[in-house]
Amino acid sequence: MDYKAIAQQTAQEVLGYSQDTAGWKVVKTSLMICGFLFPFEKKITVSSKASKKFNGNIYRVEGIIPQSTSKLSELLYLPEHRVTWDKSLKVFNVVHRIDSDTFICHAITQSFAMGSISPRDFIDLVHIKQYEGNRVIISSNSVDFPEYPPSSNYIRGYNHPCGYVCSPLQENPAYSKLVMFVQTELRGKLSPSIIEAAMPSNLVSVILNAKDGIKVLRNTSGCACHPKSHSSFLKKK
């Protein structure tokens, strides 16, 4: 399997989603407080439309995070950071490194929707790509990886092309606009109505948790984030 080619294609698809303004329907909004010295409110917006990849929806989630794009992007994918803030995950481990910007991870989710959606596990190909204007796209797509076959302990879910688009906030480059695209096939015997009812609130929680994660990392000595540190991380043995 040509993982590099899949990673490049997935990044292009996520970029395309970020440029697509047609057909989105707002399904949930929520307010969050941004800023430390001078707090202000910003809206989180969840929109959806029918996915072209499977019989379900693709979701677009937008919010403002009080952190620079480079530091935010590391919070979103470095395992030692991800598991500290993302309450939707039990496990997030890199299981295979392809190059400095591309790797395969194994993730196990928590149950959600008050336990009506049980934990899933995923094998995802993750790719980090920087664009002009200090924009970073972290894209992911589920792949087959023989070393991690499906287990009887979890239903194996499938992520169609999804990811994060992080870009400096135009009016304040010290903050970031975060746009998240999710089109997850949870599989199992779930009713589509259960998924559609639960997903928007779950996605809002991801943005809120990321904001809280930034706050925690600012107060720890381990937040040695800088734009190029993902390369050194991925080269470690």
C-alpha atoms as a PDB file:
ATOM      1  CA  MET A   1       0.000   0.000   0.000  1.00  0.00           C
ATOM      2  CA  ASP A   2       1.387   3.390  -1.012  1.00  0.00           C
ATOM      3  CA  TYR A   3       0.825   5.242   2.245  1.00  0.00           C
ATOM      4  CA  LYS A   4       2.581   8.406   1.057  1.00  0.00           C
ATOM      5  CA  ALA A   5       0.303   8.709  -1.963  1.00  0.00           C
ATOM      6  CA  ILE A   6      -2.788   8.148   0.213  1.00  0.00           C
ATOM      7  CA  ALA A   7      -1.558  10.791   2.672  1.00  0.00           C
ATOM      8  CA  GLN A   8      -1.035  13.368  -0.074  1.00  0.00           C
ATOM      9  CA  GLN A   9      -4.437  12.647  -1.576  1.00  0.00           C
ATOM     10  CA  THR A  10      -6.137  12.925   1.817  1.00  0.00           C
ATOM     11  CA  ALA A  11      -4.474  16.292   2.492  1.00  0.00           C
ATOM     12  CA  GLN A  12      -5.765  17.563  -0.850  1.00  0.00           C
ATOM     13  CA  GLU A  13      -9.273  16.371  -0.051  1.00  0.00           C
ATOM     14  CA  VAL A  14      -9.265  18.113   3.334  1.00  0.00           C
ATOM     15  CA  LEU A  15      -7.977  21.276   1.663  1.00  0.00           C
ATOM     16  CA  GLY A  16     -10.856  20.966  -0.791  1.00  0.00           C
ATOM     17  CA  TYR A  17     -13.367  20.628   2.049  1.00  0.00           C
ATOM     18  CA  SER A  18     -12.015  23.836   3.585  1.00  0.00           C
ATOM     19  CA  GLN A  19     -12.663  25.679   0.324  1.00  0.00           C
ATOM     20  CA  ASP A  20     -16.135  24.205  -0.186  1.00  0.00           C
ATOM     21  CA  THR A  21     -18.841  26.634   0.947  1.00  0.00           C
ATOM     22  CA  ALA A  22     -21.872  25.020  -0.705  1.00  0.00           C
ATOM     23  CA  GLY A  23     -24.563  22.898   0.909  1.00  0.00           C
ATOM     24  CA  TRP A  24     -23.532  23.089   4.567  1.00  0.00           C
ATOM     25  CA  LYS A  25     -26.355  23.233   7.108  1.00  0.00           C
ATOM     26  CA  VAL A  26     -25.704  24.552  10.622  1.00  0.00           C
ATOM     27  CA  VAL A  27     -26.787  21.869  13.111  1.00  0.00           C
ATOM     28  CA  LYS A  28     -25.391  23.274  16.372  1.00  0.00           C
ATOM     29  CA  THR A  29     -23.797  26.408  17.787  1.00  0.00           C
ATOM     30  CA  SER A  30     -22.201  26.998  21.158  1.00  0.00           C
ATOM     31  CA  LEU A  31     -20.348  29.846  22.841  1.00  0.00           C
ATOM     32  CA  MET A  32     -16.925  29.602  24.429  1.00  0.00           C
ATOM     33  CA  ILE A  33     -14.852  32.134  26.333  1.00  0.00           C
ATOM     34  CA  CYS A  34     -11.519  33.088  24.733  1.00  0.00           C
ATOM     35  CA  GLY A  35      -8.711  35.213  26.065  1.00  0.00           C
ATOM     36  CA  PHE A  36      -6.989  35.391  29.416  1.00  0.00           C
ATOM     37  CA  LEU A  37      -6.467  39.032  30.385  1.00  0.00           C
ATOM     38  CA  PHE A  38      -9.492  40.276  28.438  1.00  0.00           C
ATOM     39  CA  PRO A  39     -11.957  37.392  27.983  1.00  0.00           C
ATOM     40  CA  PHE A  40     -14.431  37.525  25.122  1.00  0.00           C
ATOM     41  CA  GLU A  41     -17.008  35.170  23.621  1.00  0.00           C
ATOM     42  CA  LYS A  42     -16.547  33.272  20.365  1.00  0.00           C
ATOM     43  CA  LYS A  43     -18.978  30.952  18.666  1.00  0.00           C
ATOM     44  CA  ILE A  44     -18.373  27.284  17.855  1.00  0.00           C
ATOM     45  CA  THR A  45     -20.351  26.262  14.785  1.00  0.00           C
ATOM     46  CA  VAL A  46     -21.096  22.709  13.660  1.00  0.00           C
ATOM     47  CA  SER A  47     -22.376  22.236  10.104  1.00  0.00           C
ATOM     48  CA  SER A  48     -23.066  19.087   8.124  1.00  0.00           C
ATOM     49  CA  LYS A  49     -24.049  17.740   4.742  1.00  0.00           C
ATOM     50  CA  ALA A  50     -24.263  14.340   3.092  1.00  0.00           C
ATOM     51  CA  SER A  51     -20.907  12.667   2.607  1.00  0.00           C
ATOM     52  CA  LYS A  52     -19.878  11.546  -0.854  1.00  0.00           C
ATOM     53  CA  LYS A  53     -17.779   8.775   0.708  1.00  0.00           C
ATOM     54  CA  PHE A  54     -20.378   6.763   2.635  1.00  0.00           C
ATOM     55  CA  ASN A  55     -24.017   6.742   3.660  1.00  0.00           C
ATOM     56  CA  GLY A  56     -23.659   9.327   6.394  1.00  0.00           C
ATOM     57  CA  ASN A  57     -22.648  12.928   7.023  1.00  0.00           C
ATOM     58  CA  ILE A  58     -19.499  14.964   6.840  1.00  0.00           C
ATOM     59  CA  TYR A  59     -19.261  17.509   9.659  1.00  0.00           C
ATOM     60  CA  ARG A  60     -17.504  20.875   9.656  1.00  0.00           C
ATOM     61  CA  VAL A  61     -16.668  22.367  13.059  1.00  0.00           C
ATOM     62  CA  GLU A  62     -15.269  25.896  13.432  1.00  0.00           C
ATOM     63  CA  GLY A  63     -13.882  27.636  16.495  1.00  0.00           C
ATOM     64  CA  ILE A  64     -11.230  30.052  17.725  1.00  0.00           C
ATOM     65  CA  ILE A  65      -8.381  28.773  19.915  1.00  0.00           C
ATOM     66  CA  PRO A  66      -6.248  31.227  21.940  1.00  0.00           C
ATOM     67  CA  GLN A  67      -2.915  29.862  20.728  1.00  0.00           C
ATOM     68  CA  SER A  68      -0.605  30.223  17.738  1.00  0.00           C
ATOM     69  CA  THR A  69      -1.093  27.880  14.791  1.00  0.00           C
ATOM     70  CA  SER A  70       2.234  26.083  15.252  1.00  0.00           C
ATOM     71  CA  LYS A  71       1.596  25.269  18.911  1.00  0.00           C
ATOM     72  CA  LEU A  72      -2.029  24.361  18.318  1.00  0.00           C
ATOM     73  CA  SER A  73      -1.146  21.930  15.532  1.00  0.00           C
ATOM     74  CA  GLU A  74       1.221  20.065  17.845  1.00  0.00           C
ATOM     75  CA  LEU A  75      -1.429  19.836  20.533  1.00  0.00           C
ATOM     76  CA  LEU A  76      -3.734  18.191  17.997  1.00  0.00           C
ATOM     77  CA  TYR A  77      -1.519  15.304  16.911  1.00  0.00           C
ATOM     78  CA  LEU A  78       1.456  14.691  19.231  1.00  0.00           C
ATOM     79  CA  PRO A  79       0.417  11.632  21.310  1.00  0.00           C
ATOM     80  CA  GLU A  80       1.881  12.940  24.562  1.00  0.00           C
ATOM     81  CA  HIS A  81      -0.337  16.011  24.210  1.00  0.00           C
ATOM     82  CA  ARG A  82      -3.387  14.493  22.533  1.00  0.00           C
ATOM     83  CA  VAL A  83      -4.250  12.062  25.299  1.00  0.00           C
ATOM     84  CA  THR A  84      -3.988  14.789  27.946  1.00  0.00           C
ATOM     85  CA  TRP A  85      -6.801  16.916  26.515  1.00  0.00           C
ATOM     86  CA  ASP A  86      -8.947  14.829  24.154  1.00  0.00           C
ATOM     87  CA  LYS A  87     -11.537  13.295  26.455  1.00  0.00           C
ATOM     88  CA  SER A  88     -13.077  11.373  23.563  1.00  0.00           C
ATOM     89  CA  LEU A  89      -9.991   9.110  23.400  1.00  0.00           C
ATOM     90  CA  LYS A  90      -8.799   6.264  25.588  1.00  0.00           C
ATOM     91  CA  VAL A  91      -5.700   5.558  23.479  1.00  0.00           C
ATOM     92  CA  PHE A  92      -3.771   7.435  20.800  1.00  0.00           C
ATOM     93  CA  ASN A  93      -0.492   5.761  19.833  1.00  0.00           C
ATOM     94  CA  VAL A  94       1.832   6.041  16.855  1.00  0.00           C
ATOM     95  CA  VAL A  95       2.391   2.486  15.612  1.00  0.00           C
ATOM     96  CA  HIS A  96       4.362   3.132  12.422  1.00  0.00           C
ATOM     97  CA  ARG A  97       6.363   6.118  11.160  1.00  0.00           C
ATOM     98  CA  ILE A  98       6.591   6.624   7.421  1.00  0.00           C
ATOM     99  CA  ASP A  99       8.471   9.930   7.291  1.00  0.00           C
ATOM    100  CA  SER A 100       8.854  13.049   9.404  1.00  0.00           C
ATOM    101  CA  ASP A 101       5.353  14.239   8.552  1.00  0.00           C
ATOM    102  CA  THR A 102       3.435  10.984   8.075  1.00  0.00           C
ATOM    103  CA  PHE A 103       2.593   8.175  10.462  1.00  0.00           C
ATOM    104  CA  ILE A 104       0.009   5.532  11.282  1.00  0.00           C
ATOM    105  CA  CYS A 105      -1.760   5.705  14.623  1.00  0.00           C
ATOM    106  CA  HIS A 106      -4.019   3.419  16.599  1.00  0.00           C
ATOM    107  CA  ALA A 107      -6.823   5.184  18.458  1.00  0.00           C
ATOM    108  CA  ILE A 108      -9.491   3.861  20.813  1.00  0.00           C
ATOM    109  CA  THR A 109     -12.423   6.113  21.624  1.00  0.00           C
ATOM    110  CA  GLN A 110     -14.449   6.440  24.789  1.00  0.00           C
ATOM    111  CA  SER A 111     -18.117   5.552  24.688  1.00  0.00           C
ATOM    112  CA  PHE A 112     -20.368   8.572  24.204  1.00  0.00           C
ATOM    113  CA  ALA A 113     -24.009   9.604  23.907  1.00  0.00           C
ATOM    114  CA  MET A 114     -24.544   8.391  27.495  1.00  0.00           C
ATOM    115  CA  GLY A 115     -23.125   4.989  26.611  1.00  0.00           C
ATOM    116  CA  SER A 116     -25.391   4.355  23.623  1.00  0.00           C
ATOM    117  CA  ILE A 117     -22.335   4.445  21.321  1.00  0.00           C
ATOM    118  CA  SER A 118     -19.706   2.008  22.533  1.00  0.00           C
ATOM    119  CA  PRO A 119     -15.928   2.499  22.111  1.00  0.00           C
ATOM    120  CA  ARG A 120     -14.461   2.065  18.623  1.00  0.00           C
ATOM    121  CA  ASP A 121     -10.909   1.610  17.498  1.00  0.00           C
ATOM    122  CA  PHE A 122      -9.317   3.102  14.389  1.00  0.00           C
ATOM    123  CA  ILE A 123      -6.156   2.684  12.369  1.00  0.00           C
ATOM    124  CA  ASP A 124      -5.492   6.039  10.733  1.00  0.00           C
ATOM    125  CA  LEU A 125      -2.855   7.412   8.416  1.00  0.00           C
ATOM    126  CA  VAL A 126      -1.983  10.916   9.663  1.00  0.00           C
ATOM    127  CA  HIS A 127      -0.160  13.548   7.628  1.00  0.00           C
ATOM    128  CA  ILE A 128       0.937  17.062   8.595  1.00  0.00           C
ATOM    129  CA  LYS A 129       1.367  19.617   5.815  1.00  0.00           C
ATOM    130  CA  GLN A 130       2.222  23.298   6.019  1.00  0.00           C
ATOM    131  CA  TYR A 131       0.869  25.792   3.520  1.00  0.00           C
ATOM    132  CA  GLU A 132       1.490  29.443   2.766  1.00  0.00           C
ATOM    133  CA  GLY A 133       0.295  31.888   5.359  1.00  0.00           C
ATOM    134  CA  ASN A 134       1.354  29.628   8.246  1.00  0.00           C
ATOM    135  CA  ARG A 135      -1.664  27.386   7.677  1.00  0.00           C
ATOM    136  CA  VAL A 136      -1.293  23.765   8.798  1.00  0.00           C
ATOM    137  CA  ILE A 137      -3.483  20.850   7.729  1.00  0.00           C
ATOM    138  CA  ILE A 138      -3.446  17.671   9.799  1.00  0.00           C
ATOM    139  CA  SER A 139      -5.257  15.099   7.689  1.00  0.00           C
ATOM    140  CA  SER A 140      -6.185  11.514   8.448  1.00  0.00           C
ATOM    141  CA  ASN A 141      -7.749   8.572   6.683  1.00  0.00           C
ATOM    142  CA  SER A 142      -8.282   5.031   7.910  1.00  0.00           C
ATOM    143  CA  VAL A 143      -6.100   2.394   6.273  1.00  0.00           C
ATOM    144  CA  ASP A 144      -5.420  -1.323   6.481  1.00  0.00           C
ATOM    145  CA  PHE A 145      -2.355  -2.088   8.578  1.00  0.00           C
ATOM    146  CA  PRO A 146      -1.661  -5.839   8.945  1.00  0.00           C
ATOM    147  CA  GLU A 147       0.213  -5.433  12.242  1.00  0.00           C
ATOM    148  CA  TYR A 148      -3.014  -4.156  13.854  1.00  0.00           C
ATOM    149  CA  PRO A 149      -5.914  -6.313  12.628  1.00  0.00           C
ATOM    150  CA  PRO A 150      -9.417  -5.756  14.044  1.00  0.00           C
ATOM    151  CA  SER A 151      -9.897  -7.075  17.569  1.00  0.00           C
ATOM    152  CA  SER A 152     -12.932  -8.721  19.121  1.00  0.00           C
ATOM    153  CA  ASN A 153     -12.632  -6.158  21.944  1.00  0.00           C
ATOM    154  CA  TYR A 154     -13.762  -3.233  19.786  1.00  0.00           C
ATOM    155  CA  ILE A 155     -15.763  -2.496  16.674  1.00  0.00           C
ATOM    156  CA  ARG A 156     -13.298  -1.220  14.064  1.00  0.00           C
ATOM    157  CA  GLY A 157     -14.497   2.156  12.815  1.00  0.00           C
ATOM    158  CA  TYR A 158     -13.435   3.869   9.617  1.00  0.00           C
ATOM    159  CA  ASN A 159     -12.490   7.509   9.125  1.00  0.00           C
ATOM    160  CA  HIS A 160     -13.011   8.729   5.591  1.00  0.00           C
ATOM    161  CA  PRO A 161     -10.795  11.744   4.752  1.00  0.00           C
ATOM    162  CA  CYS A 162     -10.970  14.107   7.701  1.00  0.00           C
ATOM    163  CA  GLY A 163      -8.690  16.453   9.579  1.00  0.00           C
ATOM    164  CA  TYR A 164      -7.892  19.808  11.124  1.00  0.00           C
ATOM    165  CA  VAL A 165      -7.164  23.064   9.307  1.00  0.00           C
ATOM    166  CA  CYS A 166      -5.291  25.503  11.573  1.00  0.00           C
ATOM    167  CA  SER A 167      -4.680  29.051  10.399  1.00  0.00           C
ATOM    168  CA  PRO A 168      -3.743  32.326  12.126  1.00  0.00           C
ATOM    169  CA  LEU A 169      -6.706  34.468  13.064  1.00  0.00           C
ATOM    170  CA  GLN A 170      -6.557  37.424  10.693  1.00  0.00           C
ATOM    171  CA  GLU A 171      -7.275  40.062  13.328  1.00  0.00           C
ATOM    172  CA  ASN A 172      -4.967  38.443  15.909  1.00  0.00           C
ATOM    173  CA  PRO A 173      -2.253  36.036  14.609  1.00  0.00           C
ATOM    174  CA  ALA A 174      -1.484  34.924  18.168  1.00  0.00           C
ATOM    175  CA  TYR A 175      -4.845  33.112  18.018  1.00  0.00           C
ATOM    176  CA  SER A 176      -5.878  30.404  15.580  1.00  0.00           C
ATOM    177  CA  LYS A 177      -8.964  29.588  13.613  1.00  0.00           C
ATOM    178  CA  LEU A 178      -9.536  25.849  13.860  1.00  0.00           C
ATOM    179  CA  VAL A 179     -11.752  24.099  11.331  1.00  0.00           C
ATOM    180  CA  MET A 180     -12.294  20.375  11.818  1.00  0.00           C
ATOM    181  CA  PHE A 181     -13.754  17.986   9.245  1.00  0.00           C
ATOM    182  CA  VAL A 182     -15.129  14.634  10.395  1.00  0.00           C
ATOM    183  CA  GLN A 183     -16.738  11.874   8.348  1.00  0.00           C
ATOM    184  CA  THR A 184     -16.569   8.835  10.536  1.00  0.00           C
ATOM    185  CA  GLU A 185     -18.210   5.516   9.747  1.00  0.00           C
ATOM    186  CA  LEU A 186     -18.816   4.084  13.216  1.00  0.00           C
ATOM    187  CA  ARG A 187     -20.121   0.769  11.870  1.00  0.00           C
ATOM    188  CA  GLY A 188     -21.823  -1.748  14.106  1.00  0.00           C
ATOM    189  CA  LYS A 189     -25.625  -1.722  14.371  1.00  0.00           C
ATOM    190  CA  LEU A 190     -26.169   1.917  15.254  1.00  0.00           C
ATOM    191  CA  SER A 191     -29.240   3.754  14.074  1.00  0.00           C
ATOM    192  CA  PRO A 192     -28.310   6.785  11.907  1.00  0.00           C
ATOM    193  CA  SER A 193     -30.619   8.902  14.067  1.00  0.00           C
ATOM    194  CA  ILE A 194     -28.545   8.124  17.176  1.00  0.00           C
ATOM    195  CA  ILE A 195     -25.344   9.175  15.414  1.00  0.00           C
ATOM    196  CA  GLU A 196     -26.857  12.358  14.004  1.00  0.00           C
ATOM    197  CA  ALA A 197     -28.238  13.327  17.404  1.00  0.00           C
ATOM    198  CA  ALA A 198     -25.001  12.674  19.297  1.00  0.00           C
ATOM    199  CA  MET A 199     -22.280  13.797  16.903  1.00  0.00           C
ATOM    200  CA  PRO A 200     -22.708  17.622  16.986  1.00  0.00           C
ATOM    201  CA  SER A 201     -22.411  17.885  20.777  1.00  0.00           C
ATOM    202  CA  ASN A 202     -19.473  15.496  20.769  1.00  0.00           C
ATOM    203  CA  LEU A 203     -17.681  17.641  18.189  1.00  0.00           C
ATOM    204  CA  VAL A 204     -18.287  20.839  20.154  1.00  0.00           C
ATOM    205  CA  SER A 205     -16.676  19.093  23.125  1.00  0.00           C
ATOM    206  CA  VAL A 206     -13.541  18.405  21.072  1.00  0.00           C
ATOM    207  CA  ILE A 207     -13.075  22.130  20.397  1.00  0.00           C
ATOM    208  CA  LEU A 208     -13.721  23.019  24.045  1.00  0.00           C
ATOM    209  CA  ASN A 209     -11.314  20.318  25.225  1.00  0.00           C
ATOM    210  CA  ALA A 210      -8.608  21.557  22.834  1.00  0.00           C
ATOM    211  CA  LYS A 211      -9.002  25.074  24.240  1.00  0.00           C
ATOM    212  CA  ASP A 212      -8.700  23.724  27.797  1.00  0.00           C
ATOM    213  CA  GLY A 213      -5.712  21.605  26.741  1.00  0.00           C
ATOM    214  CA  ILE A 214      -3.860  24.699  25.571  1.00  0.00           C
ATOM    215  CA  LYS A 215      -4.464  26.294  28.973  1.00  0.00           C
ATOM    216  CA  VAL A 216      -3.066  23.245  30.795  1.00  0.00           C
ATOM    217  CA  LEU A 217       0.022  23.040  28.583  1.00  0.00           C
ATOM    218  CA  ARG A 218       0.771  26.706  29.167  1.00  0.00           C
ATOM    219  CA  ASN A 219       1.051  25.916  32.853  1.00  0.00           C
ATOM    220  CA  THR A 220       3.417  22.957  32.456  1.00  0.00           C
ATOM    221  CA  SER A 221       7.091  22.863  31.650  1.00  0.00           C
ATOM    222  CA  GLY A 222       6.403  20.185  29.019  1.00  0.00           C
ATOM    223  CA  CYS A 223       4.925  22.651  26.558  1.00  0.00           C
ATOM    224  CA  ALA A 224       8.115  22.990  24.529  1.00  0.00           C
ATOM    225  CA  CYS A 225       6.212  23.429  21.294  1.00  0.00           C
ATOM    226  CA  HIS A 226       7.742  25.029  18.252  1.00  0.00           C
ATOM    227  CA  PRO A 227       6.932  24.873  14.522  1.00  0.00           C
ATOM    228  CA  LYS A 228       9.426  22.183  13.567  1.00  0.00           C
ATOM    229  CA  SER A 229       9.363  19.904  16.588  1.00  0.00           C
ATOM    230  CA  HIS A 230       7.075  17.372  14.909  1.00  0.00           C
ATOM    231  CA  SER A 231       9.996  16.364  12.686  1.00  0.00           C
ATOM    232  CA  SER A 232      12.292  15.633  15.614  1.00  0.00           C
ATOM    233  CA  PHE A 233       9.502  13.701  17.324  1.00  0.00           C
ATOM    234  CA  LEU A 234       8.880  11.456  14.367  1.00  0.00           C
ATOM    235  CA  LYS A 235      12.583  10.707  13.870  1.00  0.00           C
ATOM    236  CA  LYS A 236      12.986   9.297  17.361  1.00  0.00           C
ATOM    237  CA  LYS A 237      13.491   5.540  17.542  1.00  0.00           C
END
